[in-house]
């Protein structure tokens, strides 16, 4: 095995281990209950790389039977907060839980009648913990980055958590291939979803 192959293997292993080390507790059931009972839409938010995970989460929810949209927390301060309607649920992604734009968006969304806030974070001193109704803990994540800065393992954990929530929610809603195909009629997945409906 070359040095490059060894390093790639180490990074893949570190990220896989970080995902498996994420604590699974009652917060997941609480989050799923809130999402299942959400009378409005789901607003996913996050800044930077966490924002990319939030955007993917909203996309998966939308295609699996739960109306969802990504709200950029910085743009929310400049009018996009108008997307918030009474009863909407918020899922806020932030590894540190200290990102000012995310915290402000949650705070001001509550003024507009937003319902349950689900926070997904890692740091134990996270401010997001204090303002969330349900807190999904990512656990302590060690980054394989040689500088210890690039949050690749953190994003892998965050993404896996969001996938788990979306897929279990889909199961709880009883979404069928037909239901999926109605929301995702294009491309390969659309063709696969229609196979059982022809």
C-alpha atoms as a PDB file:
ATOM      1  CA  UNK A   1       0.000   0.000   0.000  1.00  0.00           C
ATOM      2  CA  UNK A   2       1.398   3.397  -0.981  1.00  0.00           C
ATOM      3  CA  UNK A   3       1.491   6.383   1.393  1.00  0.00           C
ATOM      4  CA  UNK A   4      -1.406   7.945  -0.518  1.00  0.00           C
ATOM      5  CA  UNK A   5      -3.475   4.763  -0.316  1.00  0.00           C
ATOM      6  CA  UNK A   6      -2.712   4.487   3.396  1.00  0.00           C
ATOM      7  CA  UNK A   7      -3.725   8.096   4.025  1.00  0.00           C
ATOM      8  CA  UNK A   8      -6.941   7.722   2.021  1.00  0.00           C
ATOM      9  CA  UNK A   9      -7.765   4.576   4.002  1.00  0.00           C
ATOM     10  CA  UNK A  10      -7.076   6.386   7.283  1.00  0.00           C
ATOM     11  CA  UNK A  11      -9.430   9.242   6.353  1.00  0.00           C
ATOM     12  CA  UNK A  12     -12.203   6.911   5.211  1.00  0.00           C
ATOM     13  CA  UNK A  13     -11.856   4.927   8.415  1.00  0.00           C
ATOM     14  CA  UNK A  14     -11.843   8.068  10.591  1.00  0.00           C
ATOM     15  CA  UNK A  15     -15.017   9.378   9.009  1.00  0.00           C
ATOM     16  CA  UNK A  16     -16.778   6.001   9.191  1.00  0.00           C
ATOM     17  CA  UNK A  17     -15.809   5.641  12.867  1.00  0.00           C
ATOM     18  CA  UNK A  18     -17.059   9.169  13.593  1.00  0.00           C
ATOM     19  CA  UNK A  19     -20.458   8.281  12.121  1.00  0.00           C
ATOM     20  CA  UNK A  20     -20.667   5.048  14.120  1.00  0.00           C
ATOM     21  CA  UNK A  21     -19.669   6.894  17.314  1.00  0.00           C
ATOM     22  CA  UNK A  22     -22.548   9.382  17.064  1.00  0.00           C
ATOM     23  CA  UNK A  23     -24.761   8.878  20.129  1.00  0.00           C
ATOM     24  CA  UNK A  24     -28.239   7.556  19.331  1.00  0.00           C
ATOM     25  CA  UNK A  25     -30.754   8.415  22.045  1.00  0.00           C
ATOM     26  CA  UNK A  26     -34.328   9.545  22.642  1.00  0.00           C
ATOM     27  CA  UNK A  27     -33.670  12.852  20.868  1.00  0.00           C
ATOM     28  CA  UNK A  28     -34.094  11.083  17.523  1.00  0.00           C
ATOM     29  CA  UNK A  29     -37.588   9.910  18.441  1.00  0.00           C
ATOM     30  CA  UNK A  30     -38.440  13.401  19.688  1.00  0.00           C
ATOM     31  CA  UNK A  31     -37.176  14.924  16.450  1.00  0.00           C
ATOM     32  CA  UNK A  32     -39.149  12.445  14.361  1.00  0.00           C
ATOM     33  CA  UNK A  33     -42.316  13.091  16.364  1.00  0.00           C
ATOM     34  CA  UNK A  34     -41.895  16.821  15.758  1.00  0.00           C
ATOM     35  CA  UNK A  35     -41.280  16.347  12.032  1.00  0.00           C
ATOM     36  CA  UNK A  36     -44.140  13.893  11.660  1.00  0.00           C
ATOM     37  CA  UNK A  37     -46.534  16.227  13.449  1.00  0.00           C
ATOM     38  CA  UNK A  38     -45.258  19.438  11.876  1.00  0.00           C
ATOM     39  CA  UNK A  39     -48.369  21.339  10.682  1.00  0.00           C
ATOM     40  CA  UNK A  40     -46.347  23.434   8.245  1.00  0.00           C
ATOM     41  CA  UNK A  41     -43.208  22.890   6.240  1.00  0.00           C
ATOM     42  CA  UNK A  42     -39.717  22.078   7.422  1.00  0.00           C
ATOM     43  CA  UNK A  43     -37.145  24.844   7.199  1.00  0.00           C
ATOM     44  CA  UNK A  44     -33.563  23.543   7.156  1.00  0.00           C
ATOM     45  CA  UNK A  45     -30.804  26.020   7.842  1.00  0.00           C
ATOM     46  CA  UNK A  46     -27.071  26.105   8.335  1.00  0.00           C
ATOM     47  CA  UNK A  47     -24.099  28.229   7.343  1.00  0.00           C
ATOM     48  CA  UNK A  48     -21.143  27.215   5.209  1.00  0.00           C
ATOM     49  CA  UNK A  49     -20.561  23.491   4.938  1.00  0.00           C
ATOM     50  CA  UNK A  50     -23.352  22.776   7.439  1.00  0.00           C
ATOM     51  CA  UNK A  51     -25.587  24.757   5.103  1.00  0.00           C
ATOM     52  CA  UNK A  52     -24.787  22.353   2.285  1.00  0.00           C
ATOM     53  CA  UNK A  53     -25.891  19.462   4.501  1.00  0.00           C
ATOM     54  CA  UNK A  54     -29.064  21.380   5.396  1.00  0.00           C
ATOM     55  CA  UNK A  55     -29.780  21.984   1.711  1.00  0.00           C
ATOM     56  CA  UNK A  56     -29.382  18.255   0.970  1.00  0.00           C
ATOM     57  CA  UNK A  57     -31.623  17.398   3.926  1.00  0.00           C
ATOM     58  CA  UNK A  58     -34.387  19.669   2.593  1.00  0.00           C
ATOM     59  CA  UNK A  59     -34.050  18.112  -0.857  1.00  0.00           C
ATOM     60  CA  UNK A  60     -34.337  14.568   0.503  1.00  0.00           C
ATOM     61  CA  UNK A  61     -37.314  15.473   2.684  1.00  0.00           C
ATOM     62  CA  UNK A  62     -39.120  17.085  -0.241  1.00  0.00           C
ATOM     63  CA  UNK A  63     -38.663  14.042  -2.459  1.00  0.00           C
ATOM     64  CA  UNK A  64     -39.801  11.658   0.283  1.00  0.00           C
ATOM     65  CA  UNK A  65     -43.104  13.250   1.223  1.00  0.00           C
ATOM     66  CA  UNK A  66     -42.220  16.068   3.627  1.00  0.00           C
ATOM     67  CA  UNK A  67     -42.385  19.607   2.220  1.00  0.00           C
ATOM     68  CA  UNK A  68     -39.103  21.295   3.080  1.00  0.00           C
ATOM     69  CA  UNK A  69     -36.972  24.206   1.962  1.00  0.00           C
ATOM     70  CA  UNK A  70     -33.458  25.406   2.732  1.00  0.00           C
ATOM     71  CA  UNK A  71     -33.198  28.907   4.163  1.00  0.00           C
ATOM     72  CA  UNK A  72     -29.780  30.567   4.023  1.00  0.00           C
ATOM     73  CA  UNK A  73     -29.388  32.136   7.467  1.00  0.00           C
ATOM     74  CA  UNK A  74     -27.571  35.216   6.170  1.00  0.00           C
ATOM     75  CA  UNK A  75     -30.192  35.819   3.476  1.00  0.00           C
ATOM     76  CA  UNK A  76     -32.873  35.337   6.146  1.00  0.00           C
ATOM     77  CA  UNK A  77     -31.674  38.582   7.701  1.00  0.00           C
ATOM     78  CA  UNK A  78     -32.359  40.330   4.392  1.00  0.00           C
ATOM     79  CA  UNK A  79     -35.920  39.212   3.749  1.00  0.00           C
ATOM     80  CA  UNK A  80     -35.836  35.450   3.236  1.00  0.00           C
ATOM     81  CA  UNK A  81     -37.194  35.047   6.760  1.00  0.00           C
ATOM     82  CA  UNK A  82     -40.504  35.795   5.060  1.00  0.00           C
ATOM     83  CA  UNK A  83     -40.588  32.094   4.154  1.00  0.00           C
ATOM     84  CA  UNK A  84     -41.451  31.333   7.771  1.00  0.00           C
ATOM     85  CA  UNK A  85     -45.125  30.628   8.453  1.00  0.00           C
ATOM     86  CA  UNK A  86     -46.812  29.733  11.743  1.00  0.00           C
ATOM     87  CA  UNK A  87     -46.302  26.059  12.544  1.00  0.00           C
ATOM     88  CA  UNK A  88     -43.208  25.578  10.412  1.00  0.00           C
ATOM     89  CA  UNK A  89     -40.525  23.430  12.033  1.00  0.00           C
ATOM     90  CA  UNK A  90     -36.873  24.396  11.883  1.00  0.00           C
ATOM     91  CA  UNK A  91     -33.917  22.032  11.678  1.00  0.00           C
ATOM     92  CA  UNK A  92     -30.757  24.000  12.396  1.00  0.00           C
ATOM     93  CA  UNK A  93     -27.369  22.502  11.526  1.00  0.00           C
ATOM     94  CA  UNK A  94     -24.222  23.875  13.178  1.00  0.00           C
ATOM     95  CA  UNK A  95     -21.244  21.881  14.403  1.00  0.00           C
ATOM     96  CA  UNK A  96     -20.172  24.597  16.828  1.00  0.00           C
ATOM     97  CA  UNK A  97     -23.717  25.741  17.549  1.00  0.00           C
ATOM     98  CA  UNK A  98     -22.352  29.254  17.840  1.00  0.00           C
ATOM     99  CA  UNK A  99     -22.854  30.553  14.306  1.00  0.00           C
ATOM    100  CA  UNK A 100     -24.429  33.988  14.751  1.00  0.00           C
ATOM    101  CA  UNK A 101     -26.507  33.912  11.584  1.00  0.00           C
ATOM    102  CA  UNK A 102     -28.060  30.546  12.469  1.00  0.00           C
ATOM    103  CA  UNK A 103     -28.860  31.598  16.039  1.00  0.00           C
ATOM    104  CA  UNK A 104     -30.425  34.862  14.843  1.00  0.00           C
ATOM    105  CA  UNK A 105     -32.528  33.090  12.250  1.00  0.00           C
ATOM    106  CA  UNK A 106     -33.931  30.709  14.857  1.00  0.00           C
ATOM    107  CA  UNK A 107     -34.649  33.571  17.248  1.00  0.00           C
ATOM    108  CA  UNK A 108     -36.446  35.754  14.693  1.00  0.00           C
ATOM    109  CA  UNK A 109     -38.297  32.807  13.129  1.00  0.00           C
ATOM    110  CA  UNK A 110     -39.920  32.225  16.506  1.00  0.00           C
ATOM    111  CA  UNK A 111     -41.288  35.804  16.339  1.00  0.00           C
ATOM    112  CA  UNK A 112     -43.059  34.774  13.128  1.00  0.00           C
ATOM    113  CA  UNK A 113     -44.694  31.753  14.726  1.00  0.00           C
ATOM    114  CA  UNK A 114     -42.229  28.987  13.895  1.00  0.00           C
ATOM    115  CA  UNK A 115     -42.867  25.811  15.841  1.00  0.00           C
ATOM    116  CA  UNK A 116     -40.426  23.185  17.053  1.00  0.00           C
ATOM    117  CA  UNK A 117     -36.720  23.870  16.591  1.00  0.00           C
ATOM    118  CA  UNK A 118     -34.489  20.830  16.161  1.00  0.00           C
ATOM    119  CA  UNK A 119     -30.801  21.562  16.606  1.00  0.00           C
ATOM    120  CA  UNK A 120     -28.041  19.309  15.300  1.00  0.00           C
ATOM    121  CA  UNK A 121     -24.693  20.176  16.842  1.00  0.00           C
ATOM    122  CA  UNK A 122     -21.514  18.800  18.363  1.00  0.00           C
ATOM    123  CA  UNK A 123     -19.925  21.256  20.782  1.00  0.00           C
ATOM    124  CA  UNK A 124     -20.964  20.868  24.403  1.00  0.00           C
ATOM    125  CA  UNK A 125     -20.920  24.654  24.923  1.00  0.00           C
ATOM    126  CA  UNK A 126     -23.112  25.228  21.880  1.00  0.00           C
ATOM    127  CA  UNK A 127     -25.588  28.118  22.134  1.00  0.00           C
ATOM    128  CA  UNK A 128     -27.820  26.166  19.761  1.00  0.00           C
ATOM    129  CA  UNK A 129     -28.395  23.676  22.583  1.00  0.00           C
ATOM    130  CA  UNK A 130     -30.014  26.408  24.668  1.00  0.00           C
ATOM    131  CA  UNK A 131     -32.489  27.581  22.014  1.00  0.00           C
ATOM    132  CA  UNK A 132     -33.501  24.222  20.535  1.00  0.00           C
ATOM    133  CA  UNK A 133     -36.607  22.321  21.614  1.00  0.00           C
ATOM    134  CA  UNK A 134     -34.973  19.059  20.550  1.00  0.00           C
ATOM    135  CA  UNK A 135     -31.212  18.600  20.424  1.00  0.00           C
ATOM    136  CA  UNK A 136     -29.595  15.854  18.349  1.00  0.00           C
ATOM    137  CA  UNK A 137     -26.026  15.481  19.578  1.00  0.00           C
ATOM    138  CA  UNK A 138     -23.348  14.622  17.014  1.00  0.00           C
ATOM    139  CA  UNK A 139     -20.907  13.642  19.750  1.00  0.00           C
ATOM    140  CA  UNK A 140     -17.293  14.722  19.918  1.00  0.00           C
ATOM    141  CA  UNK A 141     -15.766  14.441  16.452  1.00  0.00           C
ATOM    142  CA  UNK A 142     -12.039  14.209  15.714  1.00  0.00           C
ATOM    143  CA  UNK A 143     -11.189  15.592  12.286  1.00  0.00           C
ATOM    144  CA  UNK A 144      -8.704  13.653  10.128  1.00  0.00           C
ATOM    145  CA  UNK A 145      -7.552  16.910   8.508  1.00  0.00           C
ATOM    146  CA  UNK A 146      -3.789  17.323   9.035  1.00  0.00           C
ATOM    147  CA  UNK A 147      -4.493  20.825  10.389  1.00  0.00           C
ATOM    148  CA  UNK A 148      -7.367  19.617  12.545  1.00  0.00           C
ATOM    149  CA  UNK A 149      -9.565  22.283  10.953  1.00  0.00           C
ATOM    150  CA  UNK A 150     -11.371  21.004   7.851  1.00  0.00           C
ATOM    151  CA  UNK A 151     -14.659  19.579   9.210  1.00  0.00           C
ATOM    152  CA  UNK A 152     -14.846  16.549   6.921  1.00  0.00           C
ATOM    153  CA  UNK A 153     -15.690  14.048   9.664  1.00  0.00           C
ATOM    154  CA  UNK A 154     -18.137  16.487  11.254  1.00  0.00           C
ATOM    155  CA  UNK A 155     -19.936  16.914   7.944  1.00  0.00           C
ATOM    156  CA  UNK A 156     -19.995  13.142   7.407  1.00  0.00           C
ATOM    157  CA  UNK A 157     -21.651  12.695  10.808  1.00  0.00           C
ATOM    158  CA  UNK A 158     -24.072  15.570  10.243  1.00  0.00           C
ATOM    159  CA  UNK A 159     -25.018  14.242   6.821  1.00  0.00           C
ATOM    160  CA  UNK A 160     -25.535  10.704   8.131  1.00  0.00           C
ATOM    161  CA  UNK A 161     -27.745  11.973  10.964  1.00  0.00           C
ATOM    162  CA  UNK A 162     -29.870  13.971   8.538  1.00  0.00           C
ATOM    163  CA  UNK A 163     -30.183  10.953   6.235  1.00  0.00           C
ATOM    164  CA  UNK A 164     -31.276   8.745   9.129  1.00  0.00           C
ATOM    165  CA  UNK A 165     -33.955  11.241  10.159  1.00  0.00           C
ATOM    166  CA  UNK A 166     -35.238  11.652   6.601  1.00  0.00           C
ATOM    167  CA  UNK A 167     -35.397   7.935   5.840  1.00  0.00           C
ATOM    168  CA  UNK A 168     -37.077   6.936   9.100  1.00  0.00           C
ATOM    169  CA  UNK A 169     -39.566   9.787   8.652  1.00  0.00           C
ATOM    170  CA  UNK A 170     -40.295   8.470   5.166  1.00  0.00           C
ATOM    171  CA  UNK A 171     -40.943   5.009   6.628  1.00  0.00           C
ATOM    172  CA  UNK A 172     -43.201   6.419   9.339  1.00  0.00           C
ATOM    173  CA  UNK A 173     -45.248   8.249   6.707  1.00  0.00           C
ATOM    174  CA  UNK A 174     -45.616   5.074   4.664  1.00  0.00           C
ATOM    175  CA  UNK A 175     -44.263   6.650   1.480  1.00  0.00           C
ATOM    176  CA  UNK A 176     -44.505   4.215  -1.448  1.00  0.00           C
ATOM    177  CA  UNK A 177     -42.618   4.024  -4.731  1.00  0.00           C
ATOM    178  CA  UNK A 178     -45.680   5.600  -6.358  1.00  0.00           C
ATOM    179  CA  UNK A 179     -45.588   8.477  -3.858  1.00  0.00           C
ATOM    180  CA  UNK A 180     -41.882   8.893  -4.488  1.00  0.00           C
ATOM    181  CA  UNK A 181     -42.377   8.896  -8.251  1.00  0.00           C
ATOM    182  CA  UNK A 182     -44.993  11.646  -8.019  1.00  0.00           C
ATOM    183  CA  UNK A 183     -42.385  13.893  -6.428  1.00  0.00           C
ATOM    184  CA  UNK A 184     -39.371  12.700  -8.420  1.00  0.00           C
ATOM    185  CA  UNK A 185     -40.570  11.831 -11.914  1.00  0.00           C
ATOM    186  CA  UNK A 186     -37.377  12.738 -13.784  1.00  0.00           C
ATOM    187  CA  UNK A 187     -34.130  10.930 -14.395  1.00  0.00           C
ATOM    188  CA  UNK A 188     -33.060   7.447 -13.387  1.00  0.00           C
ATOM    189  CA  UNK A 189     -34.798   7.551 -10.004  1.00  0.00           C
ATOM    190  CA  UNK A 190     -38.037   8.656 -11.630  1.00  0.00           C
ATOM    191  CA  UNK A 191     -37.873   5.728 -14.064  1.00  0.00           C
ATOM    192  CA  UNK A 192     -37.146   3.304 -11.231  1.00  0.00           C
ATOM    193  CA  UNK A 193     -40.033   4.651  -9.158  1.00  0.00           C
ATOM    194  CA  UNK A 194     -42.427   4.143 -12.094  1.00  0.00           C
ATOM    195  CA  UNK A 195     -41.443   0.506 -12.683  1.00  0.00           C
ATOM    196  CA  UNK A 196     -43.950  -0.726 -10.108  1.00  0.00           C
ATOM    197  CA  UNK A 197     -46.663   1.607 -11.382  1.00  0.00           C
ATOM    198  CA  UNK A 198     -46.898   0.614 -15.042  1.00  0.00           C
END
